Amino acid sequence: MLYPITDNDSFCGRAAVEERYNWEAESEKLIALYRRLMSEP
């Protein structure tokens, strides 16, 4: 059964996305990836 999305649900969802998928968090992942790729033979 689907439930209607409330304003609070939208806010919580947006906050979660902004916390997890932001440039600060993603840049750390990208830098780690670049370092791994550059250290491979």
Protein backbone atom coordinates (compact mmCIF):
# COMPACT_ATOMS: atom_id res chain seq x y z
CA MET A 1 0.00 0.00 0.00
CA LEU A 2 1.33 3.43 -0.91
CA TYR A 3 1.09 6.29 1.53
CA PRO A 4 0.96 9.96 0.60
CA ILE A 5 4.20 11.86 1.05
CA THR A 6 3.95 14.56 3.66
CA ASP A 7 5.98 17.75 3.90
CA ASN A 8 7.95 16.20 6.76
CA ASP A 9 8.76 13.12 4.65
CA SER A 10 9.96 15.33 1.82
CA PHE A 11 12.14 17.35 4.17
CA CYS A 12 13.69 14.24 5.75
CA GLY A 13 14.34 12.70 2.34
CA ARG A 14 15.93 15.84 1.01
CA ALA A 15 18.08 16.25 4.13
CA ALA A 16 19.29 12.65 3.80
CA VAL A 17 20.23 13.15 0.14
CA GLU A 18 21.98 16.45 0.86
CA GLU A 19 23.95 14.84 3.68
CA ARG A 20 25.02 11.76 1.76
CA TYR A 21 25.31 13.04 -1.81
CA ASN A 22 27.04 16.38 -1.65
CA TRP A 23 30.29 17.58 -3.17
CA GLU A 24 32.12 17.40 0.14
CA ALA A 25 31.34 13.70 0.57
CA GLU A 26 31.68 12.82 -3.10
CA SER A 27 34.98 14.65 -3.53
CA GLU A 28 36.57 12.47 -0.85
CA LYS A 29 35.42 9.36 -2.72
CA LEU A 30 36.72 10.67 -6.04
CA ILE A 31 40.11 11.60 -4.61
CA ALA A 32 40.43 8.13 -3.06
CA LEU A 33 39.54 6.57 -6.42
CA TYR A 34 42.09 8.72 -8.28
CA ARG A 35 44.79 7.79 -5.78
CA ARG A 36 44.03 4.07 -6.20
CA LEU A 37 44.06 4.34 -9.98
CA MET A 38 47.35 6.23 -10.04
CA SER A 39 49.07 3.74 -7.71
CA GLU A 40 48.17 0.70 -9.82
CA PRO A 41 50.92 -0.62 -12.13
